[in-house]
Amino acid sequence: MIFVCLVFHNFVRCFSNKALFIFPLLLSFFHICITFFHILFFSFVFKLYLYSKYPISGIFLFYFLHFDIFNVKIRYRAILHHLIFLTKGYDFMNFMNQDNIVVIALNRIGDVIIANLLFLLCSIPLVTIGPSLTALYHCMLRIVKGNEDKVTKTFFRALRQNFVQSLIAWLALVIVGVILFLNTHFLLQNTSEAGKIFYYLSGLVLALLVIIALYIFPVIAAFSNTLKNLVKNSVIFAFMHIPSTLLIAVISILPMYMTYQDLTLLPLYSCCWFFFGFALTCYINSFLFYRIFKPYLETSEETEEIKEISK
């Protein structure tokens, strides 16, 4: 499609300057409509797959997973190319100008989508959610910093480098969290004064655990240290920047809470989480985390860098 647009663009340019602006506009509108149709149809097929017993719906779902999702960045770039023709009328040599603000924005969108898919893929065993989340935050922090590394390469390097620490932290959080949740649920049924005191204490410890869970994986992604010191630093960061901590908690928890409020829209929400939800949440949080971490990051004589991942 992009090649056809290029050829047709140069052909039309020979005849009419007005057509030079109309044609890319129509093509951009066409790609936007097709993308919107694909999202709607994917939501329908996903809902059919969840709520019906027809195995044929799984075939359609696989088709979209295999064909559309992994080519979504191509469609974004196609829209970008048409809009570049529309707004600036670039020649072929300027067609792929990476300094254009629209190119940068759509590349960010593509990076977020790819990082989200990698996170979901590596989180399938469930026990690897912690390492995958650390790798995702590492990618997002580097993007916020301005590094233009390839997302896939950076993700897997960070996953390998921080796997052990992230895995231990994740398993510890899950085990302690389950114990505290069951303990709180049990104490809620206890009407004695001592039961109420222990109930509130368990609630405070559970809240502290949530705070640690919000910070520990970005801290592991940004700093090199022992796990004990990383946990301690997570608590220090959280209480040194309480407004940012509250905002990070809202950004992280509120979308997930809203997802389950209307079960009729659950297929659509699931589609959003599948495409970009987790990575977008980490990307927004990374602006806050980077501002918190910036004074403490490892520095060199020339520039400040997010922790480099060894090859």
Protein backbone atom coordinates (compact mmCIF):
# COMPACT_ATOMS: atom_id res chain seq x y z
CA MET A 1 0.00 0.00 0.00
CA ILE A 2 2.81 2.41 0.87
CA PHE A 3 4.60 1.67 -2.42
CA VAL A 4 1.38 2.21 -4.40
CA CYS A 5 0.85 5.52 -2.60
CA LEU A 6 4.36 6.64 -3.53
CA VAL A 7 3.96 5.78 -7.20
CA PHE A 8 0.49 7.28 -7.45
CA HIS A 9 1.62 10.38 -5.58
CA ASN A 10 4.38 11.13 -8.10
CA PHE A 11 1.99 10.37 -10.95
CA VAL A 12 -0.73 12.71 -9.69
CA ARG A 13 1.81 15.40 -8.86
CA CYS A 14 2.55 15.82 -12.54
CA PHE A 15 -1.02 16.90 -13.28
CA SER A 16 -2.48 18.85 -10.39
CA ASN A 17 -1.20 20.44 -7.19
CA LYS A 18 -4.72 20.27 -5.78
CA ALA A 19 -4.80 16.52 -6.27
CA LEU A 20 -1.50 16.31 -4.41
CA PHE A 21 -3.31 17.35 -1.25
CA ILE A 22 -6.64 15.62 -1.85
CA PHE A 23 -5.28 12.15 -2.58
CA PRO A 24 -3.19 11.72 0.61
CA LEU A 25 -6.14 13.01 2.62
CA LEU A 26 -8.43 10.37 1.14
CA LEU A 27 -5.86 7.62 1.69
CA SER A 28 -5.35 8.67 5.31
CA PHE A 29 -9.10 8.61 5.87
CA PHE A 30 -9.24 5.16 4.26
CA HIS A 31 -6.54 3.73 6.55
CA ILE A 32 -8.16 5.24 9.64
CA CYS A 33 -11.53 3.73 8.72
CA ILE A 34 -9.99 0.31 8.05
CA THR A 35 -8.15 0.39 11.39
CA PHE A 36 -11.34 1.37 13.23
CA PHE A 37 -13.26 -1.42 11.46
CA HIS A 38 -10.61 -3.95 12.44
CA ILE A 39 -10.81 -2.94 16.10
CA LEU A 40 -14.62 -3.24 16.10
CA PHE A 41 -14.56 -6.57 14.31
CA PHE A 42 -11.84 -7.91 16.62
CA SER A 43 -13.99 -6.94 19.62
CA PHE A 44 -16.96 -8.78 18.11
CA VAL A 45 -14.92 -11.93 17.36
CA PHE A 46 -13.33 -11.85 20.81
CA LYS A 47 -16.76 -11.59 22.43
CA LEU A 48 -18.02 -14.43 20.24
CA TYR A 49 -15.01 -16.51 21.26
CA LEU A 50 -15.65 -15.88 24.95
CA TYR A 51 -19.41 -16.32 25.11
CA SER A 52 -20.07 -19.00 22.49
CA LYS A 53 -19.11 -22.59 21.85
CA TYR A 54 -18.29 -22.10 18.15
CA PRO A 55 -14.66 -23.06 17.56
CA ILE A 56 -14.69 -21.26 14.20
CA SER A 57 -14.51 -17.96 16.10
CA GLY A 58 -11.09 -19.02 17.36
CA ILE A 59 -9.89 -19.21 13.76
CA PHE A 60 -10.97 -15.62 13.10
CA LEU A 61 -9.33 -14.54 16.35
CA PHE A 62 -6.08 -16.24 15.37
CA TYR A 63 -6.22 -14.50 12.00
CA PHE A 64 -6.39 -11.08 13.63
CA LEU A 65 -3.68 -11.94 16.14
CA HIS A 66 -1.40 -13.16 13.38
CA PHE A 67 -2.12 -10.62 10.64
CA ASP A 68 -3.50 -7.35 11.98
CA ILE A 69 -1.81 -6.92 15.36
CA PHE A 70 1.72 -7.49 14.13
CA ASN A 71 1.15 -5.17 11.16
CA VAL A 72 -0.50 -2.35 13.10
CA LYS A 73 2.69 -0.30 13.03
CA ILE A 74 2.72 -0.53 9.22
CA ARG A 75 -0.76 0.95 9.07
CA TYR A 76 0.22 3.77 11.40
CA ARG A 77 3.23 4.53 9.23
CA ALA A 78 1.03 4.46 6.12
CA ILE A 79 -1.27 7.06 7.69
CA LEU A 80 1.81 9.06 8.62
CA HIS A 81 3.16 9.02 5.08
CA HIS A 82 -0.13 10.26 3.63
CA LEU A 83 -0.31 13.04 6.22
CA ILE A 84 3.26 14.11 5.44
CA PHE A 85 2.27 14.47 1.79
CA LEU A 86 -0.83 16.37 2.84
CA THR A 87 0.84 18.86 5.19
CA LYS A 88 4.23 19.43 3.62
CA GLY A 89 4.22 17.83 0.18
CA TYR A 90 7.59 16.16 0.72
CA ASP A 91 9.45 14.52 -2.14
CA PHE A 92 10.35 10.86 -2.03
CA MET A 93 13.73 11.48 -0.37
CA ASN A 94 12.05 13.31 2.53
CA PHE A 95 9.33 10.73 2.84
CA MET A 96 10.98 8.90 5.76
CA ASN A 97 12.25 11.95 7.66
CA GLN A 98 12.70 10.69 11.24
CA ASP A 99 12.95 14.20 12.69
CA ASN A 100 9.35 14.99 11.85
CA ILE A 101 7.26 15.33 15.01
CA VAL A 102 4.49 13.18 13.53
CA VAL A 103 7.01 10.43 12.73
CA ILE A 104 8.33 10.57 16.30
CA ALA A 105 4.81 10.39 17.76
CA LEU A 106 3.76 7.43 15.64
CA ASN A 107 7.05 5.65 16.32
CA ARG A 108 6.28 6.04 20.02
CA ILE A 109 2.85 4.51 19.45
CA GLY A 110 4.45 1.61 17.61
CA ASP A 111 7.01 1.11 20.38
CA VAL A 112 4.27 1.06 23.01
CA ILE A 113 2.27 -1.54 21.07
CA ILE A 114 5.30 -3.77 20.50
CA ALA A 115 6.41 -3.50 24.14
CA ASN A 116 2.88 -4.36 25.28
CA LEU A 117 2.79 -7.49 23.10
CA LEU A 118 6.22 -8.56 24.36
CA PHE A 119 5.09 -8.07 27.95
CA LEU A 120 2.00 -10.23 27.42
CA LEU A 121 3.98 -12.89 25.59
CA CYS A 122 6.60 -13.17 28.34
CA SER A 123 3.95 -13.09 31.09
CA ILE A 124 2.13 -16.20 29.89
CA PRO A 125 3.78 -18.46 32.54
CA LEU A 126 2.42 -16.00 35.21
CA VAL A 127 5.50 -16.49 37.42
CA THR A 128 7.41 -14.33 34.94
CA ILE A 129 5.10 -11.33 35.25
CA GLY A 130 7.60 -9.61 37.56
CA PRO A 131 10.60 -9.93 35.19
CA SER A 132 8.40 -8.95 32.23
CA LEU A 133 7.16 -5.87 34.07
CA THR A 134 10.73 -4.87 34.93
CA ALA A 135 11.75 -5.22 31.28
CA LEU A 136 8.70 -3.20 30.21
CA TYR A 137 9.57 -0.40 32.64
CA HIS A 138 13.17 -0.46 31.46
CA CYS A 139 12.02 0.11 27.87
CA MET A 140 9.62 2.87 28.85
CA LEU A 141 12.19 4.66 31.04
CA ARG A 142 14.69 4.64 28.19
CA ILE A 143 12.04 6.00 25.81
CA VAL A 144 11.22 8.80 28.26
CA LYS A 145 14.96 9.50 28.58
CA GLY A 146 15.17 9.82 24.79
CA ASN A 147 17.05 6.68 23.85
CA GLU A 148 16.17 5.38 20.40
CA ASP A 149 17.16 1.74 20.96
CA LYS A 150 15.08 -1.01 19.40
CA VAL A 151 12.33 -2.01 21.80
CA THR A 152 12.56 -5.76 21.18
CA LYS A 153 16.31 -5.92 21.73
CA THR A 154 16.16 -3.71 24.82
CA PHE A 155 13.25 -5.67 26.30
CA PHE A 156 14.91 -9.07 26.11
CA ARG A 157 18.25 -7.77 27.37
CA ALA A 158 16.54 -6.21 30.38
CA LEU A 159 14.53 -9.39 30.91
CA ARG A 160 17.67 -11.49 30.99
CA GLN A 161 19.69 -9.06 33.13
CA ASN A 162 17.05 -8.52 35.85
CA PHE A 163 15.31 -11.88 35.74
CA VAL A 164 16.44 -13.32 39.08
CA GLN A 165 15.84 -10.21 41.22
CA SER A 166 12.48 -9.50 39.57
CA LEU A 167 11.34 -13.11 39.92
CA ILE A 168 12.19 -13.21 43.64
CA ALA A 169 10.47 -9.86 44.22
CA TRP A 170 7.36 -10.95 42.29
CA LEU A 171 7.00 -14.29 44.09
CA ALA A 172 7.56 -12.64 47.48
CA LEU A 173 4.92 -9.99 46.73
CA VAL A 174 2.39 -12.61 45.61
CA ILE A 175 2.93 -14.88 48.63
CA VAL A 176 2.89 -12.08 51.20
CA GLY A 177 -0.06 -10.43 49.44
CA VAL A 178 -2.16 -13.60 49.50
CA ILE A 179 -1.36 -14.19 53.17
CA LEU A 180 -2.27 -10.61 54.11
CA PHE A 181 -5.46 -10.71 52.05
CA LEU A 182 -6.63 -13.94 53.69
CA ASN A 183 -5.65 -12.63 57.10
CA THR A 184 -7.56 -9.40 56.54
CA HIS A 185 -10.60 -11.31 55.31
CA PHE A 186 -10.50 -13.52 58.41
CA LEU A 187 -10.07 -10.59 60.81
CA LEU A 188 -12.98 -8.78 59.15
CA GLN A 189 -15.29 -11.45 60.55
CA ASN A 190 -13.82 -11.06 64.03
CA THR A 191 -15.86 -8.52 66.02
CA SER A 192 -13.58 -8.34 69.06
CA GLU A 193 -11.48 -5.27 69.84
CA ALA A 194 -8.23 -7.16 69.30
CA GLY A 195 -9.56 -8.42 65.96
CA LYS A 196 -10.30 -4.86 64.83
CA ILE A 197 -6.82 -3.68 65.82
CA PHE A 198 -5.14 -6.51 63.89
CA TYR A 199 -7.49 -5.85 60.98
CA TYR A 200 -6.33 -2.25 60.64
CA LEU A 201 -2.70 -3.27 61.10
CA SER A 202 -3.08 -5.85 58.34
CA GLY A 203 -4.65 -3.19 56.14
CA LEU A 204 -1.68 -0.86 56.70
CA VAL A 205 0.80 -3.61 55.89
CA LEU A 206 -1.19 -4.48 52.76
CA ALA A 207 -1.13 -0.81 51.69
CA LEU A 208 2.65 -0.74 52.23
CA LEU A 209 2.94 -3.89 50.11
CA VAL A 210 1.01 -2.20 47.29
CA ILE A 211 3.37 0.79 47.44
CA ILE A 212 6.38 -1.52 47.25
CA ALA A 213 4.79 -3.34 44.32
CA LEU A 214 4.34 -0.04 42.45
CA TYR A 215 7.98 0.98 42.91
CA ILE A 216 10.08 -2.19 43.11
CA PHE A 217 10.03 -3.11 39.41
CA PRO A 218 10.83 0.39 38.08
CA VAL A 219 13.60 0.62 40.70
CA ILE A 220 15.06 -2.72 39.59
CA ALA A 221 14.83 -1.51 35.98
CA ALA A 222 16.72 1.71 36.71
CA PHE A 223 19.31 0.80 39.36
CA SER A 224 21.88 -1.90 40.06
CA ASN A 225 21.96 -3.01 43.70
CA THR A 226 21.10 -5.88 46.01
CA LEU A 227 17.43 -6.79 46.25
CA LYS A 228 17.34 -5.78 49.92
CA ASN A 229 18.60 -2.28 49.13
CA LEU A 230 16.28 -1.99 46.15
CA VAL A 231 13.25 -2.74 48.35
CA LYS A 232 14.47 -0.23 50.93
CA ASN A 233 14.99 2.40 48.23
CA SER A 234 11.50 1.73 46.87
CA VAL A 235 9.98 2.58 50.25
CA ILE A 236 12.19 5.68 50.58
CA PHE A 237 11.24 6.92 47.10
CA ALA A 238 7.55 6.34 47.79
CA PHE A 239 7.46 8.35 51.03
CA MET A 240 9.81 11.07 49.78
CA HIS A 241 7.44 11.78 46.89
CA ILE A 242 3.96 11.15 48.30
CA PRO A 243 2.02 13.22 45.69
CA SER A 244 3.73 11.34 42.85
CA THR A 245 3.11 8.04 44.64
CA LEU A 246 -0.61 8.76 44.91
CA LEU A 247 -0.75 9.76 41.24
CA ILE A 248 1.11 6.60 40.18
CA ALA A 249 -1.30 4.50 42.25
CA VAL A 250 -4.31 6.14 40.57
CA ILE A 251 -2.83 5.71 37.08
CA SER A 252 -2.00 2.05 37.75
CA ILE A 253 -5.08 0.89 39.67
CA LEU A 254 -7.98 2.99 38.36
CA PRO A 255 -7.96 1.65 34.75
CA MET A 256 -8.00 -1.94 35.99
CA TYR A 257 -10.80 -1.13 38.42
CA MET A 258 -12.86 0.53 35.67
CA THR A 259 -12.35 -2.48 33.39
CA TYR A 260 -14.53 -4.69 35.60
CA GLN A 261 -17.24 -2.13 36.31
CA ASP A 262 -19.12 -2.76 33.07
CA LEU A 263 -18.83 -6.40 32.02
CA THR A 264 -20.67 -5.73 28.76
CA LEU A 265 -17.66 -3.70 27.59
CA LEU A 266 -15.13 -6.22 28.88
CA PRO A 267 -14.26 -7.51 25.35
CA LEU A 268 -13.49 -3.95 24.22
CA TYR A 269 -11.44 -3.25 27.36
CA SER A 270 -9.62 -6.54 26.89
CA CYS A 271 -8.76 -5.53 23.35
CA CYS A 272 -7.35 -2.23 24.61
CA TRP A 273 -5.27 -3.97 27.28
CA PHE A 274 -4.05 -6.46 24.70
CA PHE A 275 -2.91 -3.79 22.23
CA PHE A 276 -1.45 -1.07 24.44
CA GLY A 277 -2.96 -0.93 27.95
CA PHE A 278 -0.10 -2.21 30.10
CA ALA A 279 2.67 -0.47 28.17
CA LEU A 280 0.76 2.81 28.02
CA THR A 281 0.25 2.75 31.80
CA CYS A 282 3.96 2.10 32.34
CA TYR A 283 4.85 4.80 29.81
CA ILE A 284 2.79 7.44 31.64
CA ASN A 285 4.16 6.31 35.00
CA SER A 286 7.70 6.43 33.63
CA PHE A 287 7.53 10.22 33.34
CA LEU A 288 6.90 10.39 37.08
CA PHE A 289 9.45 7.70 37.91
CA TYR A 290 12.13 9.32 35.78
CA ARG A 291 11.61 12.65 37.52
CA ILE A 292 11.99 10.87 40.89
CA PHE A 293 14.99 8.75 39.85
CA LYS A 294 16.85 11.40 37.86
CA PRO A 295 18.98 12.82 40.73
CA TYR A 296 20.07 9.32 41.74
CA LEU A 297 20.73 7.68 38.39
CA GLU A 298 24.19 6.55 37.45
CA THR A 299 26.04 9.38 35.71
CA SER A 300 29.05 9.58 33.47
CA GLU A 301 31.20 12.56 32.62
CA GLU A 302 29.23 13.39 29.49
CA THR A 303 25.62 12.32 30.04
CA GLU A 304 23.18 10.72 32.43
CA GLU A 305 21.96 7.30 31.45
CA ILE A 306 19.44 4.72 32.53
CA LYS A 307 21.30 1.62 33.67
CA GLU A 308 22.96 0.05 30.65
CA ILE A 309 22.10 -3.57 29.96
CA SER A 310 25.19 -5.65 29.30
CA LYS A 311 25.23 -7.72 26.14
